[in-house]
Amino acid sequence: MVIGFGELKRGLTIEMEGAPYKVEEYYQQKMQQRAPVYHLKLRNLITGQQVEKAMSGTVKLNLAQVENREVTFLYEADGTYTFMDSATFEQYEVLANVVGEASNYLTDQATAELVFFKGRPVSVELETTVDLVVAETAPSFKGDTASGGGKPATLETGLVVNVPMFVTTGDKVRVDTRTGTYLTRVTS
């Protein structure tokens, strides 16, 4: 399907040079007496690489034929991640290079979206935040406050984030999957 720039929006997946690209950001630059120029920030779903492109407003874009399937993460063995389709219960084995940075946030039974392009999985999309347990961090001391500095904490997946001084081992924290930063301590 072909679309014009008027139909462009964030999160849309377009096909360029035979690869699917997700639109991260875009803006229009108007020119006097000429067609507007669109500046796009795109993420290649196969390689994860971010690219910036400038295109004339007269260019048509091809929508990529991608399919998102809701999956549950089951386990990882020897760099192969196994996911199960939540609707059909079919299992998919995905290599570590496809999973990429998402591996820092995957715990047993975590839900995600597996993105398929031309019948094969090309990337894993996560919720914008995940809750993870602090596996190890320096102890807190009386008088430590939220406004003081921070300290590194290793989470259950092996991801290291900077947390406030009052966070202790065993606490559950919310992390932004887009930036890998601590957001808040989660109390249940």
C-alpha atoms as a PDB file:
ATOM      1  CA  MET A   1       0.000   0.000   0.000  1.00  0.00           C
ATOM      2  CA  VAL A   2       1.315   3.446  -0.926  1.00  0.00           C
ATOM      3  CA  ILE A   3       0.753   6.507   1.271  1.00  0.00           C
ATOM      4  CA  GLY A   4       1.586  10.191   1.076  1.00  0.00           C
ATOM      5  CA  PHE A   5       3.245  12.254   3.781  1.00  0.00           C
ATOM      6  CA  GLY A   6      -0.164  13.504   4.933  1.00  0.00           C
ATOM      7  CA  GLU A   7      -0.911   9.995   6.199  1.00  0.00           C
ATOM      8  CA  LEU A   8       2.449   9.609   7.971  1.00  0.00           C
ATOM      9  CA  LYS A   9       2.463   9.134  11.744  1.00  0.00           C
ATOM     10  CA  ARG A  10       4.788   7.926  14.484  1.00  0.00           C
ATOM     11  CA  GLY A  11       4.937   4.160  14.903  1.00  0.00           C
ATOM     12  CA  LEU A  12       4.050   3.495  11.265  1.00  0.00           C
ATOM     13  CA  THR A  13       6.280   0.994   9.471  1.00  0.00           C
ATOM     14  CA  ILE A  14       7.398   1.812   5.940  1.00  0.00           C
ATOM     15  CA  GLU A  15       9.497  -0.208   3.501  1.00  0.00           C
ATOM     16  CA  MET A  16      12.603   1.325   1.994  1.00  0.00           C
ATOM     17  CA  GLU A  17      15.389  -0.464   0.113  1.00  0.00           C
ATOM     18  CA  GLY A  18      13.733  -3.813   0.895  1.00  0.00           C
ATOM     19  CA  ALA A  19      13.792  -3.346   4.679  1.00  0.00           C
ATOM     20  CA  PRO A  20      11.119  -2.325   7.204  1.00  0.00           C
ATOM     21  CA  TYR A  21      11.659   1.006   8.997  1.00  0.00           C
ATOM     22  CA  LYS A  22       9.622   2.249  11.938  1.00  0.00           C
ATOM     23  CA  VAL A  23       8.924   6.000  11.971  1.00  0.00           C
ATOM     24  CA  GLU A  24      10.329   7.362  15.256  1.00  0.00           C
ATOM     25  CA  GLU A  25       9.941  11.095  14.510  1.00  0.00           C
ATOM     26  CA  TYR A  26       9.216  13.348  11.567  1.00  0.00           C
ATOM     27  CA  TYR A  27       8.671  16.999  10.780  1.00  0.00           C
ATOM     28  CA  GLN A  28       7.957  19.117   7.745  1.00  0.00           C
ATOM     29  CA  GLN A  29      10.145  21.964   6.534  1.00  0.00           C
ATOM     30  CA  LYS A  30       8.249  24.326   4.244  1.00  0.00           C
ATOM     31  CA  MET A  31      10.106  25.969   1.393  1.00  0.00           C
ATOM     32  CA  GLN A  32       9.022  29.013  -0.583  1.00  0.00           C
ATOM     33  CA  GLN A  33       7.935  28.172  -4.112  1.00  0.00           C
ATOM     34  CA  ARG A  34       8.964  24.496  -3.678  1.00  0.00           C
ATOM     35  CA  ALA A  35       7.481  21.300  -2.356  1.00  0.00           C
ATOM     36  CA  PRO A  36       7.978  20.857   1.402  1.00  0.00           C
ATOM     37  CA  VAL A  37      10.810  18.657   2.643  1.00  0.00           C
ATOM     38  CA  TYR A  38      10.084  15.989   5.248  1.00  0.00           C
ATOM     39  CA  HIS A  39      12.744  14.986   7.736  1.00  0.00           C
ATOM     40  CA  LEU A  40      12.303  11.463   9.076  1.00  0.00           C
ATOM     41  CA  LYS A  41      14.024   9.680  11.947  1.00  0.00           C
ATOM     42  CA  LEU A  42      13.620   5.965  11.254  1.00  0.00           C
ATOM     43  CA  ARG A  43      14.669   2.736  12.975  1.00  0.00           C
ATOM     44  CA  ASN A  44      15.523  -0.283  10.831  1.00  0.00           C
ATOM     45  CA  LEU A  45      13.547  -3.179  12.364  1.00  0.00           C
ATOM     46  CA  ILE A  46      16.056  -5.763  11.159  1.00  0.00           C
ATOM     47  CA  THR A  47      19.331  -4.131  12.261  1.00  0.00           C
ATOM     48  CA  GLY A  48      18.018  -1.746  14.939  1.00  0.00           C
ATOM     49  CA  GLN A  49      20.060   1.062  13.342  1.00  0.00           C
ATOM     50  CA  GLN A  50      18.588   4.569  13.444  1.00  0.00           C
ATOM     51  CA  VAL A  51      18.799   6.660  10.293  1.00  0.00           C
ATOM     52  CA  GLU A  52      17.676  10.131   9.337  1.00  0.00           C
ATOM     53  CA  LYS A  53      16.310  10.848   5.865  1.00  0.00           C
ATOM     54  CA  ALA A  54      15.162  14.026   4.149  1.00  0.00           C
ATOM     55  CA  MET A  55      12.582  13.534   1.399  1.00  0.00           C
ATOM     56  CA  SER A  56      10.568  15.710  -0.907  1.00  0.00           C
ATOM     57  CA  GLY A  57       6.893  16.021   0.006  1.00  0.00           C
ATOM     58  CA  THR A  58       5.957  14.669  -3.408  1.00  0.00           C
ATOM     59  CA  VAL A  59       7.509  11.239  -2.751  1.00  0.00           C
ATOM     60  CA  LYS A  60       5.123   8.371  -1.982  1.00  0.00           C
ATOM     61  CA  LEU A  61       5.970   5.874   0.774  1.00  0.00           C
ATOM     62  CA  ASN A  62       5.320   2.135   0.754  1.00  0.00           C
ATOM     63  CA  LEU A  63       3.828   0.657   3.906  1.00  0.00           C
ATOM     64  CA  ALA A  64       5.807  -2.384   5.047  1.00  0.00           C
ATOM     65  CA  GLN A  65       3.849  -5.609   5.268  1.00  0.00           C
ATOM     66  CA  VAL A  66       4.627  -6.321   8.911  1.00  0.00           C
ATOM     67  CA  GLU A  67       2.583  -8.350  11.333  1.00  0.00           C
ATOM     68  CA  ASN A  68       2.704  -7.903  15.087  1.00  0.00           C
ATOM     69  CA  ARG A  69       1.899 -10.951  17.195  1.00  0.00           C
ATOM     70  CA  GLU A  70       1.443 -10.859  20.957  1.00  0.00           C
ATOM     71  CA  VAL A  71       3.829 -13.370  22.494  1.00  0.00           C
ATOM     72  CA  THR A  72       4.973 -14.606  25.882  1.00  0.00           C
ATOM     73  CA  PHE A  73       8.688 -15.027  26.559  1.00  0.00           C
ATOM     74  CA  LEU A  74       9.401 -18.587  27.689  1.00  0.00           C
ATOM     75  CA  TYR A  75      13.181 -19.015  27.972  1.00  0.00           C
ATOM     76  CA  GLU A  76      16.620 -18.362  26.485  1.00  0.00           C
ATOM     77  CA  ALA A  77      19.151 -21.074  25.685  1.00  0.00           C
ATOM     78  CA  ASP A  78      22.479 -20.607  23.889  1.00  0.00           C
ATOM     79  CA  GLY A  79      21.517 -17.227  22.396  1.00  0.00           C
ATOM     80  CA  THR A  80      18.135 -18.419  21.147  1.00  0.00           C
ATOM     81  CA  TYR A  81      15.032 -16.890  22.711  1.00  0.00           C
ATOM     82  CA  THR A  82      11.808 -18.893  22.678  1.00  0.00           C
ATOM     83  CA  PHE A  83       8.467 -17.086  22.539  1.00  0.00           C
ATOM     84  CA  MET A  84       4.935 -18.485  22.439  1.00  0.00           C
ATOM     85  CA  ASP A  85       2.122 -16.890  20.426  1.00  0.00           C
ATOM     86  CA  SER A  86      -0.590 -15.887  22.929  1.00  0.00           C
ATOM     87  CA  ALA A  87      -3.399 -16.738  20.488  1.00  0.00           C
ATOM     88  CA  THR A  88      -2.227 -19.878  18.658  1.00  0.00           C
ATOM     89  CA  PHE A  89       0.306 -21.211  21.231  1.00  0.00           C
ATOM     90  CA  GLU A  90       2.789 -21.660  18.381  1.00  0.00           C
ATOM     91  CA  GLN A  91       6.408 -21.303  19.510  1.00  0.00           C
ATOM     92  CA  TYR A  92       9.012 -19.143  17.773  1.00  0.00           C
ATOM     93  CA  GLU A  93      12.763 -19.376  18.236  1.00  0.00           C
ATOM     94  CA  VAL A  94      14.421 -15.983  17.776  1.00  0.00           C
ATOM     95  CA  LEU A  95      18.174 -15.344  17.676  1.00  0.00           C
ATOM     96  CA  ALA A  96      19.803 -12.910  20.117  1.00  0.00           C
ATOM     97  CA  ASN A  97      20.677 -10.403  17.361  1.00  0.00           C
ATOM     98  CA  VAL A  98      16.950 -10.070  16.550  1.00  0.00           C
ATOM     99  CA  VAL A  99      15.973  -9.670  20.214  1.00  0.00           C
ATOM    100  CA  GLY A 100      18.722  -7.068  20.723  1.00  0.00           C
ATOM    101  CA  GLU A 101      18.347  -4.648  23.640  1.00  0.00           C
ATOM    102  CA  ALA A 102      14.943  -6.132  24.527  1.00  0.00           C
ATOM    103  CA  SER A 103      16.838  -8.976  26.243  1.00  0.00           C
ATOM    104  CA  ASN A 104      17.654  -6.553  29.080  1.00  0.00           C
ATOM    105  CA  TYR A 105      13.969  -6.440  30.016  1.00  0.00           C
ATOM    106  CA  LEU A 106      12.727  -9.988  29.382  1.00  0.00           C
ATOM    107  CA  THR A 107      11.748 -12.094  32.375  1.00  0.00           C
ATOM    108  CA  ASP A 108       9.929 -15.448  32.382  1.00  0.00           C
ATOM    109  CA  GLN A 109       6.342 -15.074  31.166  1.00  0.00           C
ATOM    110  CA  ALA A 110       6.876 -11.434  30.074  1.00  0.00           C
ATOM    111  CA  THR A 111       4.577 -10.327  27.269  1.00  0.00           C
ATOM    112  CA  ALA A 112       5.890  -8.577  24.167  1.00  0.00           C
ATOM    113  CA  GLU A 113       5.095  -8.156  20.504  1.00  0.00           C
ATOM    114  CA  LEU A 114       7.058 -10.088  17.934  1.00  0.00           C
ATOM    115  CA  VAL A 115       7.252  -8.198  14.625  1.00  0.00           C
ATOM    116  CA  PHE A 116       7.238 -10.336  11.472  1.00  0.00           C
ATOM    117  CA  PHE A 117       8.362  -9.072   8.052  1.00  0.00           C
ATOM    118  CA  LYS A 118       7.884 -11.358   5.054  1.00  0.00           C
ATOM    119  CA  GLY A 119       7.071 -14.267   7.384  1.00  0.00           C
ATOM    120  CA  ARG A 120      10.112 -14.081   9.656  1.00  0.00           C
ATOM    121  CA  PRO A 121      10.574 -12.387  13.027  1.00  0.00           C
ATOM    122  CA  VAL A 122      12.641  -9.199  12.716  1.00  0.00           C
ATOM    123  CA  SER A 123      12.285  -7.489  16.102  1.00  0.00           C
ATOM    124  CA  VAL A 124      10.783  -7.598  19.579  1.00  0.00           C
ATOM    125  CA  GLU A 125       8.658  -4.645  20.750  1.00  0.00           C
ATOM    126  CA  LEU A 126       8.178  -4.108  24.497  1.00  0.00           C
ATOM    127  CA  GLU A 127       5.850  -2.050  26.647  1.00  0.00           C
ATOM    128  CA  THR A 128       7.348   1.371  27.426  1.00  0.00           C
ATOM    129  CA  THR A 129       7.923   0.373  31.068  1.00  0.00           C
ATOM    130  CA  VAL A 130       8.671  -2.886  32.863  1.00  0.00           C
ATOM    131  CA  ASP A 131       8.885  -3.775  36.541  1.00  0.00           C
ATOM    132  CA  LEU A 132      12.054  -5.638  37.546  1.00  0.00           C
ATOM    133  CA  VAL A 133      13.466  -6.838  40.870  1.00  0.00           C
ATOM    134  CA  VAL A 134      16.770  -5.423  42.149  1.00  0.00           C
ATOM    135  CA  ALA A 135      19.139  -8.400  42.368  1.00  0.00           C
ATOM    136  CA  GLU A 136      22.063  -6.489  43.864  1.00  0.00           C
ATOM    137  CA  THR A 137      22.870  -2.984  45.044  1.00  0.00           C
ATOM    138  CA  ALA A 138      24.828  -1.308  47.803  1.00  0.00           C
ATOM    139  CA  PRO A 139      22.958  -1.151  51.123  1.00  0.00           C
ATOM    140  CA  SER A 140      21.100   2.006  52.119  1.00  0.00           C
ATOM    141  CA  PHE A 141      21.888   3.822  55.288  1.00  0.00           C
ATOM    142  CA  LYS A 142      19.772   5.878  57.636  1.00  0.00           C
ATOM    143  CA  GLY A 143      19.551   9.406  56.317  1.00  0.00           C
ATOM    144  CA  ASP A 144      19.730   8.459  52.630  1.00  0.00           C
ATOM    145  CA  THR A 145      17.151  10.513  50.772  1.00  0.00           C
ATOM    146  CA  ALA A 146      15.523  10.446  47.372  1.00  0.00           C
ATOM    147  CA  SER A 147      17.083  13.778  46.439  1.00  0.00           C
ATOM    148  CA  GLY A 148      20.623  12.666  47.245  1.00  0.00           C
ATOM    149  CA  GLY A 149      22.765  11.025  44.586  1.00  0.00           C
ATOM    150  CA  GLY A 150      22.242   7.609  43.170  1.00  0.00           C
ATOM    151  CA  LYS A 151      23.900   4.237  43.098  1.00  0.00           C
ATOM    152  CA  PRO A 152      24.141   1.440  40.523  1.00  0.00           C
ATOM    153  CA  ALA A 153      21.767  -1.501  40.873  1.00  0.00           C
ATOM    154  CA  THR A 154      21.882  -4.804  39.001  1.00  0.00           C
ATOM    155  CA  LEU A 155      18.387  -5.978  38.105  1.00  0.00           C
ATOM    156  CA  GLU A 156      17.150  -9.571  37.755  1.00  0.00           C
ATOM    157  CA  THR A 157      17.871  -9.547  33.997  1.00  0.00           C
ATOM    158  CA  GLY A 158      21.456  -8.330  34.461  1.00  0.00           C
ATOM    159  CA  LEU A 159      20.665  -4.753  33.405  1.00  0.00           C
ATOM    160  CA  VAL A 160      22.482  -2.131  35.515  1.00  0.00           C
ATOM    161  CA  VAL A 161      20.593   1.118  36.208  1.00  0.00           C
ATOM    162  CA  ASN A 162      21.242   4.067  38.482  1.00  0.00           C
ATOM    163  CA  VAL A 163      18.717   4.128  41.349  1.00  0.00           C
ATOM    164  CA  PRO A 164      18.137   6.448  44.341  1.00  0.00           C
ATOM    165  CA  MET A 165      19.965   5.676  47.586  1.00  0.00           C
ATOM    166  CA  PHE A 166      16.833   4.340  49.350  1.00  0.00           C
ATOM    167  CA  VAL A 167      16.374   1.416  46.915  1.00  0.00           C
ATOM    168  CA  THR A 168      17.555  -1.906  48.358  1.00  0.00           C
ATOM    169  CA  THR A 169      18.147  -5.443  47.109  1.00  0.00           C
ATOM    170  CA  GLY A 170      14.799  -7.193  46.612  1.00  0.00           C
ATOM    171  CA  ASP A 171      12.877  -4.000  45.785  1.00  0.00           C
ATOM    172  CA  LYS A 172      10.865  -3.899  42.574  1.00  0.00           C
ATOM    173  CA  VAL A 173      11.578  -0.910  40.330  1.00  0.00           C
ATOM    174  CA  ARG A 174       9.970   0.430  37.150  1.00  0.00           C
ATOM    175  CA  VAL A 175      12.348   0.992  34.225  1.00  0.00           C
ATOM    176  CA  ASP A 176      11.757   2.825  30.931  1.00  0.00           C
ATOM    177  CA  THR A 177      12.546   0.336  28.126  1.00  0.00           C
ATOM    178  CA  ARG A 178      13.257   3.120  25.614  1.00  0.00           C
ATOM    179  CA  THR A 179      16.013   4.739  27.668  1.00  0.00           C
ATOM    180  CA  GLY A 180      16.980   2.081  30.225  1.00  0.00           C
ATOM    181  CA  THR A 181      16.478   4.477  33.126  1.00  0.00           C
ATOM    182  CA  TYR A 182      14.923   4.072  36.558  1.00  0.00           C
ATOM    183  CA  LEU A 183      11.481   5.657  36.940  1.00  0.00           C
ATOM    184  CA  THR A 184      10.137   4.703  40.369  1.00  0.00           C
ATOM    185  CA  ARG A 185      10.089   2.060  43.084  1.00  0.00           C
ATOM    186  CA  VAL A 186       7.032  -0.173  42.821  1.00  0.00           C
ATOM    187  CA  THR A 187       5.146  -1.039  45.976  1.00  0.00           C
ATOM    188  CA  SER A 188       2.712  -3.923  45.882  1.00  0.00           C
END
